[in-house]
Amino acid sequence: MVCATWWMILWFAGGLQQVRAEERGQGVLKAIPNVLVYMDADMKDGLKPHRVVIVDKARQQIRLYCHADRWRNTAKWPCSTGKQSGPKEREGDQRTPVGVYFAVKEVGQQFLSDTYGTRALPLDYPNELDRLYVRSGSAIWLHGTDKPLQPRDSNGCVVLENWVIDRLAGYIQLNRTPVIIVENTHLWSEKKASSIAVQLLSAAHQWNDAMLHGAYQDLCRHYAEGAKPSTIWWQRWSRLRRNQGRGDDIESMMRKRTIYRSGRHFVLLFDHYLTRGEHEEWAGYRKLYFCIEEDRVSIMADSFQSAPKTVEDPLFLAWRKLWKKSQQRSKMAVTLNGDKNS
């Protein structure tokens, strides 16, 4: 009983450290968690640095990291994860999943029972990798509680004290700020992270070029077996490229790229834009799941994390909207020239 009491005291004391660390500018890291791989320099939202949330199941701790010029651990708080240890495999196993997830919406207190405290942030479990490995279950949330927080006391969710979830929610951009859940935090050097980032960014650039200018076989070379785009999708995409201008008229841009690691897999998240001249169209937040085996980089899964609501493929929609913009601009230019000549 005495040991348990001391464990709780130390646990909460650790969580209360660095509550004001962000304001004090502390926490610059010499070695970084090995789930952090890469971030484009333009990831700042105005003057605000990009943030990452890491849940450490072994320590029953949630940490907030930000990146401006360097990675910083700006705050840490106690949390509670699933009653059972290990990664989630099936529905009802009372385990918290391990991987890179994103909050997809925010639910206010007025819509919640006391179990969930002042607010909840549902995560996108199961994601594409989870489905690939046939992991089941749902409703994994980051949420508060009106009860005293106890370690390893949830059915799979990540539970925080109400004041912590209220504070943390202000740092989380839906579908953009990752919530990375690990069994235990391990560190690596920024040099190691950078060497892997070079491989992945090169592979992503080649994939992007093949999608816009290559043949179906060129694109398929970048995917693992079983993950290749369907021929039906490719036929529609090829028809769109052929009927609405040449591929060199429109460019595919990957902006605000970030890369995170989950075991032997890596997740590249970026803003996918199509551009033509001075016009551009946002297709959505896109994710590529990579695996590196024997120096070969393969795409295991490919999806949009968030995109404009449509029944059409987000990339097709962006292409059509961009083409329409450029056509309208061309007609306007012809009209203006005609008025001048007359």
C-alpha atoms as a PDB file:
ATOM      1  CA  MET A   1       0.000   0.000   0.000  1.00  0.00           C
ATOM      2  CA  VAL A   2       2.854   2.373   0.858  1.00  0.00           C
ATOM      3  CA  CYS A   3       4.601   1.561  -2.436  1.00  0.00           C
ATOM      4  CA  ALA A   4       1.388   2.207  -4.354  1.00  0.00           C
ATOM      5  CA  THR A   5       0.950   5.556  -2.617  1.00  0.00           C
ATOM      6  CA  TRP A   6       4.492   6.640  -3.467  1.00  0.00           C
ATOM      7  CA  TRP A   7       3.972   5.520  -7.082  1.00  0.00           C
ATOM      8  CA  MET A   8       0.924   7.773  -7.353  1.00  0.00           C
ATOM      9  CA  ILE A   9       2.781  10.709  -5.780  1.00  0.00           C
ATOM     10  CA  LEU A  10       5.718  10.365  -8.184  1.00  0.00           C
ATOM     11  CA  TRP A  11       3.395   9.820 -11.137  1.00  0.00           C
ATOM     12  CA  PHE A  12       1.441  13.029 -10.513  1.00  0.00           C
ATOM     13  CA  ALA A  13       4.577  14.973  -9.610  1.00  0.00           C
ATOM     14  CA  GLY A  14       6.086  14.050 -12.974  1.00  0.00           C
ATOM     15  CA  GLY A  15       2.952  15.197 -14.713  1.00  0.00           C
ATOM     16  CA  LEU A  16       2.966  18.578 -13.005  1.00  0.00           C
ATOM     17  CA  GLN A  17       6.532  19.331 -14.078  1.00  0.00           C
ATOM     18  CA  GLN A  18       6.946  21.644 -17.087  1.00  0.00           C
ATOM     19  CA  VAL A  19       3.343  22.834 -16.979  1.00  0.00           C
ATOM     20  CA  ARG A  20       4.697  26.296 -17.784  1.00  0.00           C
ATOM     21  CA  ALA A  21       7.687  25.000 -19.744  1.00  0.00           C
ATOM     22  CA  GLU A  22       6.407  26.286 -23.075  1.00  0.00           C
ATOM     23  CA  GLU A  23       6.239  29.829 -21.746  1.00  0.00           C
ATOM     24  CA  ARG A  24       9.727  29.427 -20.225  1.00  0.00           C
ATOM     25  CA  GLY A  25      11.182  28.037 -23.471  1.00  0.00           C
ATOM     26  CA  GLN A  26      12.703  24.986 -21.807  1.00  0.00           C
ATOM     27  CA  GLY A  27      13.103  21.434 -23.051  1.00  0.00           C
ATOM     28  CA  VAL A  28      15.462  21.634 -26.070  1.00  0.00           C
ATOM     29  CA  LEU A  29      16.376  18.047 -26.941  1.00  0.00           C
ATOM     30  CA  LYS A  30      19.823  16.665 -27.763  1.00  0.00           C
ATOM     31  CA  ALA A  31      18.303  13.322 -28.776  1.00  0.00           C
ATOM     32  CA  ILE A  32      14.717  13.092 -29.986  1.00  0.00           C
ATOM     33  CA  PRO A  33      12.012  10.408 -29.715  1.00  0.00           C
ATOM     34  CA  ASN A  34      12.492   7.953 -32.569  1.00  0.00           C
ATOM     35  CA  VAL A  35       8.951   8.556 -33.797  1.00  0.00           C
ATOM     36  CA  LEU A  36       9.954  12.054 -34.970  1.00  0.00           C
ATOM     37  CA  VAL A  37      11.572  11.927 -38.410  1.00  0.00           C
ATOM     38  CA  TYR A  38      11.084  15.080 -40.475  1.00  0.00           C
ATOM     39  CA  MET A  39       9.251  18.370 -40.719  1.00  0.00           C
ATOM     40  CA  ASP A  40       9.258  20.984 -43.483  1.00  0.00           C
ATOM     41  CA  ALA A  41      10.436  24.449 -42.519  1.00  0.00           C
ATOM     42  CA  ASP A  42       7.055  25.954 -43.493  1.00  0.00           C
ATOM     43  CA  MET A  43       5.123  23.955 -40.875  1.00  0.00           C
ATOM     44  CA  LYS A  44       4.690  26.979 -38.597  1.00  0.00           C
ATOM     45  CA  ASP A  45       1.112  28.255 -38.308  1.00  0.00           C
ATOM     46  CA  GLY A  46       1.911  31.947 -38.283  1.00  0.00           C
ATOM     47  CA  LEU A  47       4.193  32.346 -35.287  1.00  0.00           C
ATOM     48  CA  LYS A  48       3.001  29.102 -33.687  1.00  0.00           C
ATOM     49  CA  PRO A  49       5.321  26.077 -33.999  1.00  0.00           C
ATOM     50  CA  HIS A  50       3.992  22.713 -35.156  1.00  0.00           C
ATOM     51  CA  ARG A  51       3.195  20.326 -32.310  1.00  0.00           C
ATOM     52  CA  VAL A  52       3.241  16.585 -31.775  1.00  0.00           C
ATOM     53  CA  VAL A  53       1.588  14.614 -28.965  1.00  0.00           C
ATOM     54  CA  ILE A  54       3.282  11.411 -27.754  1.00  0.00           C
ATOM     55  CA  VAL A  55       1.553   8.980 -25.409  1.00  0.00           C
ATOM     56  CA  ASP A  56       4.006   6.725 -23.505  1.00  0.00           C
ATOM     57  CA  LYS A  57       2.087   3.696 -22.224  1.00  0.00           C
ATOM     58  CA  ALA A  58       4.907   2.365 -20.034  1.00  0.00           C
ATOM     59  CA  ARG A  59       5.306   5.676 -18.207  1.00  0.00           C
ATOM     60  CA  GLN A  60       1.569   6.456 -18.284  1.00  0.00           C
ATOM     61  CA  GLN A  61       2.510   9.882 -19.529  1.00  0.00           C
ATOM     62  CA  ILE A  62       1.530  12.173 -22.366  1.00  0.00           C
ATOM     63  CA  ARG A  63       4.099  14.631 -23.721  1.00  0.00           C
ATOM     64  CA  LEU A  64       3.734  17.693 -25.907  1.00  0.00           C
ATOM     65  CA  TYR A  65       6.530  18.472 -28.371  1.00  0.00           C
ATOM     66  CA  CYS A  66       6.917  21.497 -30.582  1.00  0.00           C
ATOM     67  CA  HIS A  67       9.273  22.279 -33.432  1.00  0.00           C
ATOM     68  CA  ALA A  68      10.483  25.715 -34.382  1.00  0.00           C
ATOM     69  CA  ASP A  69      14.204  25.608 -35.105  1.00  0.00           C
ATOM     70  CA  ARG A  70      14.680  22.488 -32.944  1.00  0.00           C
ATOM     71  CA  TRP A  71      12.504  19.921 -31.222  1.00  0.00           C
ATOM     72  CA  ARG A  72      11.424  20.838 -27.699  1.00  0.00           C
ATOM     73  CA  ASN A  73       9.547  18.876 -25.061  1.00  0.00           C
ATOM     74  CA  THR A  74       7.303  21.659 -23.782  1.00  0.00           C
ATOM     75  CA  ALA A  75       5.012  19.843 -21.333  1.00  0.00           C
ATOM     76  CA  LYS A  76       4.170  16.457 -19.860  1.00  0.00           C
ATOM     77  CA  TRP A  77       1.213  15.182 -17.871  1.00  0.00           C
ATOM     78  CA  PRO A  78       0.010  11.872 -16.410  1.00  0.00           C
ATOM     79  CA  CYS A  79      -2.498   9.833 -18.403  1.00  0.00           C
ATOM     80  CA  SER A  80      -4.250   6.505 -18.149  1.00  0.00           C
ATOM     81  CA  THR A  81      -4.321   3.888 -20.912  1.00  0.00           C
ATOM     82  CA  GLY A  82      -5.870   0.434 -21.330  1.00  0.00           C
ATOM     83  CA  LYS A  83      -6.089  -2.040 -18.455  1.00  0.00           C
ATOM     84  CA  GLN A  84      -4.273  -4.659 -20.537  1.00  0.00           C
ATOM     85  CA  SER A  85      -0.697  -4.238 -21.808  1.00  0.00           C
ATOM     86  CA  GLY A  86       0.424  -4.579 -25.417  1.00  0.00           C
ATOM     87  CA  PRO A  87      -0.932  -3.102 -28.661  1.00  0.00           C
ATOM     88  CA  LYS A  88      -4.609  -3.356 -29.499  1.00  0.00           C
ATOM     89  CA  GLU A  89      -5.514  -6.300 -31.740  1.00  0.00           C
ATOM     90  CA  ARG A  90      -9.262  -6.817 -31.443  1.00  0.00           C
ATOM     91  CA  GLU A  91     -12.427  -5.234 -30.159  1.00  0.00           C
ATOM     92  CA  GLY A  92     -12.938  -5.514 -26.415  1.00  0.00           C
ATOM     93  CA  ASP A  93      -9.341  -6.471 -25.506  1.00  0.00           C
ATOM     94  CA  GLN A  94      -9.008  -3.377 -23.228  1.00  0.00           C
ATOM     95  CA  ARG A  95      -5.744  -2.385 -24.896  1.00  0.00           C
ATOM     96  CA  THR A  96      -4.676   0.999 -26.212  1.00  0.00           C
ATOM     97  CA  PRO A  97      -3.490   0.852 -29.844  1.00  0.00           C
ATOM     98  CA  VAL A  98       0.077   1.698 -30.838  1.00  0.00           C
ATOM     99  CA  GLY A  99       0.644   3.870 -33.897  1.00  0.00           C
ATOM    100  CA  VAL A 100       0.314   7.309 -35.468  1.00  0.00           C
ATOM    101  CA  TYR A 101      -3.207   8.672 -35.139  1.00  0.00           C
ATOM    102  CA  PHE A 102      -5.055  11.939 -35.636  1.00  0.00           C
ATOM    103  CA  ALA A 103      -7.995  13.508 -33.840  1.00  0.00           C
ATOM    104  CA  VAL A 104     -10.864  13.740 -36.309  1.00  0.00           C
ATOM    105  CA  LYS A 105     -13.306  15.871 -34.305  1.00  0.00           C
ATOM    106  CA  GLU A 106     -13.876  17.471 -30.910  1.00  0.00           C
ATOM    107  CA  VAL A 107     -16.865  16.597 -28.723  1.00  0.00           C
ATOM    108  CA  GLY A 108     -17.943  19.120 -26.094  1.00  0.00           C
ATOM    109  CA  GLN A 109     -19.033  18.395 -22.528  1.00  0.00           C
ATOM    110  CA  GLN A 110     -22.713  18.945 -23.320  1.00  0.00           C
ATOM    111  CA  PHE A 111     -22.652  15.823 -25.512  1.00  0.00           C
ATOM    112  CA  LEU A 112     -20.709  13.613 -23.074  1.00  0.00           C
ATOM    113  CA  SER A 113     -21.397  11.515 -20.016  1.00  0.00           C
ATOM    114  CA  ASP A 114     -19.315  12.004 -16.858  1.00  0.00           C
ATOM    115  CA  THR A 115     -17.074   9.155 -18.030  1.00  0.00           C
ATOM    116  CA  TYR A 116     -15.531  11.453 -20.643  1.00  0.00           C
ATOM    117  CA  GLY A 117     -15.080  14.585 -18.548  1.00  0.00           C
ATOM    118  CA  THR A 118     -15.110  18.048 -20.106  1.00  0.00           C
ATOM    119  CA  ARG A 119     -14.262  17.094 -23.696  1.00  0.00           C
ATOM    120  CA  ALA A 120     -13.192  14.283 -26.002  1.00  0.00           C
ATOM    121  CA  LEU A 121     -11.099  13.986 -29.160  1.00  0.00           C
ATOM    122  CA  PRO A 122     -11.949  10.795 -31.092  1.00  0.00           C
ATOM    123  CA  LEU A 123      -8.923   9.307 -32.881  1.00  0.00           C
ATOM    124  CA  ASP A 124      -8.904   7.667 -36.307  1.00  0.00           C
ATOM    125  CA  TYR A 125      -8.364   4.116 -35.034  1.00  0.00           C
ATOM    126  CA  PRO A 126      -8.394   1.819 -36.931  1.00  0.00           C
ATOM    127  CA  ASN A 127      -6.285   3.562 -39.556  1.00  0.00           C
ATOM    128  CA  GLU A 128      -5.076   2.142 -42.859  1.00  0.00           C
ATOM    129  CA  LEU A 129      -2.245   0.129 -41.279  1.00  0.00           C
ATOM    130  CA  ASP A 130      -4.551  -1.279 -38.610  1.00  0.00           C
ATOM    131  CA  ARG A 131      -6.963  -2.473 -41.287  1.00  0.00           C
ATOM    132  CA  LEU A 132      -4.057  -3.894 -43.277  1.00  0.00           C
ATOM    133  CA  TYR A 133      -3.118  -6.021 -40.255  1.00  0.00           C
ATOM    134  CA  VAL A 134      -6.777  -6.852 -39.517  1.00  0.00           C
ATOM    135  CA  ARG A 135      -6.952  -5.069 -36.177  1.00  0.00           C
ATOM    136  CA  SER A 136     -10.499  -4.511 -35.004  1.00  0.00           C
ATOM    137  CA  GLY A 137     -12.267  -2.258 -32.549  1.00  0.00           C
ATOM    138  CA  SER A 138     -13.236   1.411 -32.576  1.00  0.00           C
ATOM    139  CA  ALA A 139     -14.028   4.427 -30.382  1.00  0.00           C
ATOM    140  CA  ILE A 140     -10.475   5.099 -29.175  1.00  0.00           C
ATOM    141  CA  TRP A 141     -10.637   8.599 -27.768  1.00  0.00           C
ATOM    142  CA  LEU A 142      -8.424  11.118 -26.034  1.00  0.00           C
ATOM    143  CA  HIS A 143     -10.717  12.386 -23.273  1.00  0.00           C
ATOM    144  CA  GLY A 144     -11.069  13.788 -19.768  1.00  0.00           C
ATOM    145  CA  THR A 145     -12.660  12.249 -16.713  1.00  0.00           C
ATOM    146  CA  ASP A 146     -14.676  13.356 -13.681  1.00  0.00           C
ATOM    147  CA  LYS A 147     -13.123  10.587 -11.579  1.00  0.00           C
ATOM    148  CA  PRO A 148      -9.689  10.478  -9.915  1.00  0.00           C
ATOM    149  CA  LEU A 149      -7.121   9.471 -12.541  1.00  0.00           C
ATOM    150  CA  GLN A 150      -5.629   6.008 -12.038  1.00  0.00           C
ATOM    151  CA  PRO A 151      -2.851   4.437 -14.173  1.00  0.00           C
ATOM    152  CA  ARG A 152      -3.884   1.736 -16.668  1.00  0.00           C
ATOM    153  CA  ASP A 153      -7.552   2.114 -15.914  1.00  0.00           C
ATOM    154  CA  SER A 154      -9.298   2.565 -19.298  1.00  0.00           C
ATOM    155  CA  ASN A 155     -10.864   0.198 -21.808  1.00  0.00           C
ATOM    156  CA  GLY A 156      -8.429   1.416 -24.469  1.00  0.00           C
ATOM    157  CA  CYS A 157      -8.840   5.190 -24.554  1.00  0.00           C
ATOM    158  CA  VAL A 158      -6.197   7.679 -23.422  1.00  0.00           C
ATOM    159  CA  VAL A 159      -7.642   9.431 -20.359  1.00  0.00           C
ATOM    160  CA  LEU A 160      -6.474  12.753 -18.906  1.00  0.00           C
ATOM    161  CA  GLU A 161      -7.543  15.019 -16.093  1.00  0.00           C
ATOM    162  CA  ASN A 162     -10.093  17.562 -17.272  1.00  0.00           C
ATOM    163  CA  TRP A 163      -7.799  20.573 -16.952  1.00  0.00           C
ATOM    164  CA  VAL A 164      -5.164  18.756 -19.011  1.00  0.00           C
ATOM    165  CA  ILE A 165      -7.475  17.772 -21.892  1.00  0.00           C
ATOM    166  CA  ASP A 166      -8.841  21.335 -21.917  1.00  0.00           C
ATOM    167  CA  ARG A 167      -5.316  22.711 -22.213  1.00  0.00           C
ATOM    168  CA  LEU A 168      -4.070  20.101 -24.668  1.00  0.00           C
ATOM    169  CA  ALA A 169      -7.031  20.511 -27.031  1.00  0.00           C
ATOM    170  CA  GLY A 170      -5.878  24.041 -27.775  1.00  0.00           C
ATOM    171  CA  TYR A 171      -2.672  22.659 -29.296  1.00  0.00           C
ATOM    172  CA  ILE A 172      -4.287  20.000 -31.474  1.00  0.00           C
ATOM    173  CA  GLN A 173      -5.275  20.754 -35.060  1.00  0.00           C
ATOM    174  CA  LEU A 174      -7.812  18.197 -36.223  1.00  0.00           C
ATOM    175  CA  ASN A 175      -6.490  15.776 -38.850  1.00  0.00           C
ATOM    176  CA  ARG A 176      -3.071  17.466 -38.724  1.00  0.00           C
ATOM    177  CA  THR A 177      -1.514  17.206 -35.250  1.00  0.00           C
ATOM    178  CA  PRO A 178      -0.401  13.599 -34.693  1.00  0.00           C
ATOM    179  CA  VAL A 179      -1.157  11.685 -31.518  1.00  0.00           C
ATOM    180  CA  ILE A 180       1.595   9.056 -31.525  1.00  0.00           C
ATOM    181  CA  ILE A 181       1.048   6.190 -29.092  1.00  0.00           C
ATOM    182  CA  VAL A 182       4.076   4.096 -28.126  1.00  0.00           C
ATOM    183  CA  GLU A 183       4.707   1.282 -25.673  1.00  0.00           C
ATOM    184  CA  ASN A 184       7.889   2.996 -24.515  1.00  0.00           C
ATOM    185  CA  THR A 185       9.755   6.066 -25.680  1.00  0.00           C
ATOM    186  CA  HIS A 186      13.106   5.406 -27.353  1.00  0.00           C
ATOM    187  CA  LEU A 187      15.504   8.081 -28.584  1.00  0.00           C
ATOM    188  CA  TRP A 188      17.663   8.568 -31.636  1.00  0.00           C
ATOM    189  CA  SER A 189      19.823  11.338 -33.062  1.00  0.00           C
ATOM    190  CA  GLU A 190      18.526  13.983 -35.452  1.00  0.00           C
ATOM    191  CA  LYS A 191      21.258  12.811 -37.841  1.00  0.00           C
ATOM    192  CA  LYS A 192      19.723   9.312 -37.953  1.00  0.00           C
ATOM    193  CA  ALA A 193      16.267  10.778 -38.463  1.00  0.00           C
ATOM    194  CA  SER A 194      17.576  12.986 -41.264  1.00  0.00           C
ATOM    195  CA  SER A 195      19.180  10.072 -43.150  1.00  0.00           C
ATOM    196  CA  ILE A 196      15.867   8.183 -43.166  1.00  0.00           C
ATOM    197  CA  ALA A 197      13.970  11.327 -44.166  1.00  0.00           C
ATOM    198  CA  VAL A 198      16.184  11.699 -47.251  1.00  0.00           C
ATOM    199  CA  GLN A 199      15.202   8.184 -48.392  1.00  0.00           C
ATOM    200  CA  LEU A 200      11.511   8.716 -47.802  1.00  0.00           C
ATOM    201  CA  LEU A 201      11.318  12.171 -49.374  1.00  0.00           C
ATOM    202  CA  SER A 202      13.152  10.918 -52.450  1.00  0.00           C
ATOM    203  CA  ALA A 203      10.692   8.015 -52.772  1.00  0.00           C
ATOM    204  CA  ALA A 204       7.744  10.390 -52.329  1.00  0.00           C
ATOM    205  CA  HIS A 205       9.104  12.721 -55.025  1.00  0.00           C
ATOM    206  CA  GLN A 206       9.437   9.828 -57.475  1.00  0.00           C
ATOM    207  CA  TRP A 207       5.919   8.608 -56.627  1.00  0.00           C
ATOM    208  CA  ASN A 208       4.536  12.095 -57.202  1.00  0.00           C
ATOM    209  CA  ASP A 209       6.278  12.378 -60.560  1.00  0.00           C
ATOM    210  CA  ALA A 210       5.054   8.942 -61.678  1.00  0.00           C
ATOM    211  CA  MET A 211       1.478   9.783 -60.714  1.00  0.00           C
ATOM    212  CA  LEU A 212       1.482  12.948 -62.776  1.00  0.00           C
ATOM    213  CA  HIS A 213       3.650  12.017 -65.752  1.00  0.00           C
ATOM    214  CA  GLY A 214       4.238   8.261 -65.734  1.00  0.00           C
ATOM    215  CA  ALA A 215       2.500   5.112 -66.886  1.00  0.00           C
ATOM    216  CA  TYR A 216       0.615   2.735 -64.613  1.00  0.00           C
ATOM    217  CA  GLN A 217       3.659   0.464 -64.329  1.00  0.00           C
ATOM    218  CA  ASP A 218       5.808   3.425 -63.241  1.00  0.00           C
ATOM    219  CA  LEU A 219       3.406   4.218 -60.412  1.00  0.00           C
ATOM    220  CA  CYS A 220       3.036   0.604 -59.298  1.00  0.00           C
ATOM    221  CA  ARG A 221       6.791   0.255 -58.771  1.00  0.00           C
ATOM    222  CA  HIS A 222       6.451   2.456 -55.696  1.00  0.00           C
ATOM    223  CA  TYR A 223       3.851   0.255 -53.976  1.00  0.00           C
ATOM    224  CA  ALA A 224       4.152  -2.985 -52.061  1.00  0.00           C
ATOM    225  CA  GLU A 225       2.324  -6.041 -53.386  1.00  0.00           C
ATOM    226  CA  GLY A 226      -1.347  -5.797 -52.578  1.00  0.00           C
ATOM    227  CA  ALA A 227      -1.234  -2.029 -52.152  1.00  0.00           C
ATOM    228  CA  LYS A 228      -1.121  -0.963 -55.815  1.00  0.00           C
ATOM    229  CA  PRO A 229      -3.774   1.449 -57.123  1.00  0.00           C
ATOM    230  CA  SER A 230      -6.635  -0.250 -58.927  1.00  0.00           C
ATOM    231  CA  THR A 231      -6.597  -0.300 -62.709  1.00  0.00           C
ATOM    232  CA  ILE A 232     -10.081   1.259 -62.683  1.00  0.00           C
ATOM    233  CA  TRP A 233      -8.748   4.235 -60.709  1.00  0.00           C
ATOM    234  CA  TRP A 234      -5.792   4.541 -63.082  1.00  0.00           C
ATOM    235  CA  GLN A 235      -8.000   4.442 -66.176  1.00  0.00           C
ATOM    236  CA  ARG A 236     -10.121   7.312 -64.823  1.00  0.00           C
ATOM    237  CA  TRP A 237      -7.009   9.261 -63.807  1.00  0.00           C
ATOM    238  CA  SER A 238      -5.375   8.724 -67.217  1.00  0.00           C
ATOM    239  CA  ARG A 239      -8.548   9.823 -68.994  1.00  0.00           C
ATOM    240  CA  LEU A 240      -8.636  12.980 -66.898  1.00  0.00           C
ATOM    241  CA  ARG A 241      -5.009  13.777 -67.706  1.00  0.00           C
ATOM    242  CA  ARG A 242      -5.591  13.102 -71.390  1.00  0.00           C
ATOM    243  CA  ASN A 243      -8.882  14.959 -71.830  1.00  0.00           C
ATOM    244  CA  GLN A 244      -8.133  18.037 -69.765  1.00  0.00           C
ATOM    245  CA  GLY A 245      -4.663  19.036 -70.792  1.00  0.00           C
ATOM    246  CA  ARG A 246      -1.230  17.563 -70.776  1.00  0.00           C
ATOM    247  CA  GLY A 247       0.412  16.390 -67.562  1.00  0.00           C
ATOM    248  CA  ASP A 248       3.039  19.131 -67.858  1.00  0.00           C
ATOM    249  CA  ASP A 249       0.302  21.794 -67.678  1.00  0.00           C
ATOM    250  CA  ILE A 250      -0.596  20.832 -64.128  1.00  0.00           C
ATOM    251  CA  GLU A 251       1.810  20.166 -61.277  1.00  0.00           C
ATOM    252  CA  SER A 252       1.285  18.112 -58.131  1.00  0.00           C
ATOM    253  CA  MET A 253       2.732  19.792 -55.034  1.00  0.00           C
ATOM    254  CA  MET A 254       3.450  18.247 -51.622  1.00  0.00           C
ATOM    255  CA  ARG A 255       3.536  21.036 -49.043  1.00  0.00           C
ATOM    256  CA  LYS A 256       4.001  21.092 -45.269  1.00  0.00           C
ATOM    257  CA  ARG A 257       5.438  17.577 -45.243  1.00  0.00           C
ATOM    258  CA  THR A 258       5.881  15.793 -41.937  1.00  0.00           C
ATOM    259  CA  ILE A 259       7.126  12.255 -41.324  1.00  0.00           C
ATOM    260  CA  TYR A 260       6.492  10.125 -38.247  1.00  0.00           C
ATOM    261  CA  ARG A 261       7.554   6.606 -37.374  1.00  0.00           C
ATOM    262  CA  SER A 262       5.532   3.719 -36.013  1.00  0.00           C
ATOM    263  CA  GLY A 263       7.653   0.581 -35.587  1.00  0.00           C
ATOM    264  CA  ARG A 264       8.987  -0.375 -39.007  1.00  0.00           C
ATOM    265  CA  HIS A 265       6.494   1.877 -40.776  1.00  0.00           C
ATOM    266  CA  PHE A 266       6.654   5.582 -41.556  1.00  0.00           C
ATOM    267  CA  VAL A 267       3.809   8.010 -42.185  1.00  0.00           C
ATOM    268  CA  LEU A 268       4.261  10.968 -44.532  1.00  0.00           C
ATOM    269  CA  LEU A 269       1.482  13.536 -44.132  1.00  0.00           C
ATOM    270  CA  PHE A 270       1.311  16.527 -46.455  1.00  0.00           C
ATOM    271  CA  ASP A 271      -0.977  19.129 -47.958  1.00  0.00           C
ATOM    272  CA  HIS A 272      -1.637  17.926 -51.501  1.00  0.00           C
ATOM    273  CA  TYR A 273      -2.092  20.760 -54.009  1.00  0.00           C
ATOM    274  CA  LEU A 274      -2.529  20.809 -57.762  1.00  0.00           C
ATOM    275  CA  THR A 275      -1.244  23.939 -59.491  1.00  0.00           C
ATOM    276  CA  ARG A 276      -1.503  25.365 -62.999  1.00  0.00           C
ATOM    277  CA  GLY A 277       0.153  28.690 -63.662  1.00  0.00           C
ATOM    278  CA  GLU A 278      -0.993  31.089 -60.956  1.00  0.00           C
ATOM    279  CA  HIS A 279      -3.921  28.897 -59.927  1.00  0.00           C
ATOM    280  CA  GLU A 280      -3.907  26.188 -57.288  1.00  0.00           C
ATOM    281  CA  GLU A 281      -6.399  23.801 -55.699  1.00  0.00           C
ATOM    282  CA  TRP A 282      -6.125  21.951 -52.374  1.00  0.00           C
ATOM    283  CA  ALA A 283      -6.918  18.254 -52.708  1.00  0.00           C
ATOM    284  CA  GLY A 284      -6.606  17.514 -48.972  1.00  0.00           C
ATOM    285  CA  TYR A 285      -4.296  16.230 -46.248  1.00  0.00           C
ATOM    286  CA  ARG A 286      -2.778  13.104 -47.766  1.00  0.00           C
ATOM    287  CA  LYS A 287      -0.996  10.202 -46.067  1.00  0.00           C
ATOM    288  CA  LEU A 288       1.515   7.762 -47.492  1.00  0.00           C
ATOM    289  CA  TYR A 289       2.485   4.793 -45.298  1.00  0.00           C
ATOM    290  CA  PHE A 290       6.018   3.606 -46.101  1.00  0.00           C
ATOM    291  CA  CYS A 291       8.024   0.554 -45.201  1.00  0.00           C
ATOM    292  CA  ILE A 292      11.812   0.260 -45.679  1.00  0.00           C
ATOM    293  CA  GLU A 293      13.168  -3.231 -46.259  1.00  0.00           C
ATOM    294  CA  GLU A 294      16.721  -3.854 -47.464  1.00  0.00           C
ATOM    295  CA  ASP A 295      16.956  -0.199 -48.537  1.00  0.00           C
ATOM    296  CA  ARG A 296      13.845  -0.549 -50.712  1.00  0.00           C
ATOM    297  CA  VAL A 297      11.124   1.955 -49.883  1.00  0.00           C
ATOM    298  CA  SER A 298       7.577   0.772 -50.563  1.00  0.00           C
ATOM    299  CA  ILE A 299       4.177   2.374 -50.045  1.00  0.00           C
ATOM    300  CA  MET A 300       1.997   0.134 -47.882  1.00  0.00           C
ATOM    301  CA  ALA A 301      -1.109   2.332 -47.937  1.00  0.00           C
ATOM    302  CA  ASP A 302      -2.227   5.631 -49.443  1.00  0.00           C
ATOM    303  CA  SER A 303      -5.210   7.738 -48.357  1.00  0.00           C
ATOM    304  CA  PHE A 304      -6.521  11.216 -47.648  1.00  0.00           C
ATOM    305  CA  GLN A 305      -6.632  12.063 -43.954  1.00  0.00           C
ATOM    306  CA  SER A 306      -8.999  14.917 -44.673  1.00  0.00           C
ATOM    307  CA  ALA A 307     -10.346  16.408 -47.903  1.00  0.00           C
ATOM    308  CA  PRO A 308     -13.274  18.459 -49.198  1.00  0.00           C
ATOM    309  CA  LYS A 309     -16.493  16.477 -48.780  1.00  0.00           C
ATOM    310  CA  THR A 310     -17.334  14.800 -52.058  1.00  0.00           C
ATOM    311  CA  VAL A 311     -18.310  11.441 -53.468  1.00  0.00           C
ATOM    312  CA  GLU A 312     -15.572  11.908 -56.052  1.00  0.00           C
ATOM    313  CA  ASP A 313     -11.915  11.089 -55.501  1.00  0.00           C
ATOM    314  CA  PRO A 314     -10.400  14.255 -53.912  1.00  0.00           C
ATOM    315  CA  LEU A 315      -7.617  14.343 -56.485  1.00  0.00           C
ATOM    316  CA  PHE A 316     -10.076  14.146 -59.389  1.00  0.00           C
ATOM    317  CA  LEU A 317     -12.171  16.913 -57.851  1.00  0.00           C
ATOM    318  CA  ALA A 318      -9.155  19.175 -57.362  1.00  0.00           C
ATOM    319  CA  TRP A 319      -8.080  18.582 -60.971  1.00  0.00           C
ATOM    320  CA  ARG A 320     -11.520  19.479 -62.335  1.00  0.00           C
ATOM    321  CA  LYS A 321     -11.815  22.601 -60.172  1.00  0.00           C
ATOM    322  CA  LEU A 322      -8.322  23.743 -61.149  1.00  0.00           C
ATOM    323  CA  TRP A 323      -9.004  23.166 -64.836  1.00  0.00           C
ATOM    324  CA  LYS A 324     -12.259  25.124 -64.566  1.00  0.00           C
ATOM    325  CA  LYS A 325     -10.425  28.045 -62.926  1.00  0.00           C
ATOM    326  CA  SER A 326      -7.796  28.165 -65.664  1.00  0.00           C
ATOM    327  CA  GLN A 327     -10.419  27.928 -68.415  1.00  0.00           C
ATOM    328  CA  GLN A 328     -12.388  30.810 -66.915  1.00  0.00           C
ATOM    329  CA  ARG A 329      -9.203  32.858 -66.723  1.00  0.00           C
ATOM    330  CA  SER A 330      -8.430  32.108 -70.382  1.00  0.00           C
ATOM    331  CA  LYS A 331     -11.924  33.170 -71.480  1.00  0.00           C
ATOM    332  CA  MET A 332     -11.607  36.365 -69.448  1.00  0.00           C
ATOM    333  CA  ALA A 333      -8.251  37.132 -71.081  1.00  0.00           C
ATOM    334  CA  VAL A 334      -9.706  36.579 -74.569  1.00  0.00           C
ATOM    335  CA  THR A 335     -12.637  38.884 -73.748  1.00  0.00           C
ATOM    336  CA  LEU A 336     -10.331  41.626 -72.453  1.00  0.00           C
ATOM    337  CA  ASN A 337      -8.112  41.389 -75.519  1.00  0.00           C
ATOM    338  CA  GLY A 338     -11.153  41.557 -77.772  1.00  0.00           C
ATOM    339  CA  ASP A 339     -12.393  44.714 -76.028  1.00  0.00           C
ATOM    340  CA  LYS A 340      -8.977  46.333 -76.459  1.00  0.00           C
ATOM    341  CA  ASN A 341      -8.821  45.479 -80.160  1.00  0.00           C
ATOM    342  CA  SER A 342     -12.305  46.843 -80.774  1.00  0.00           C
END
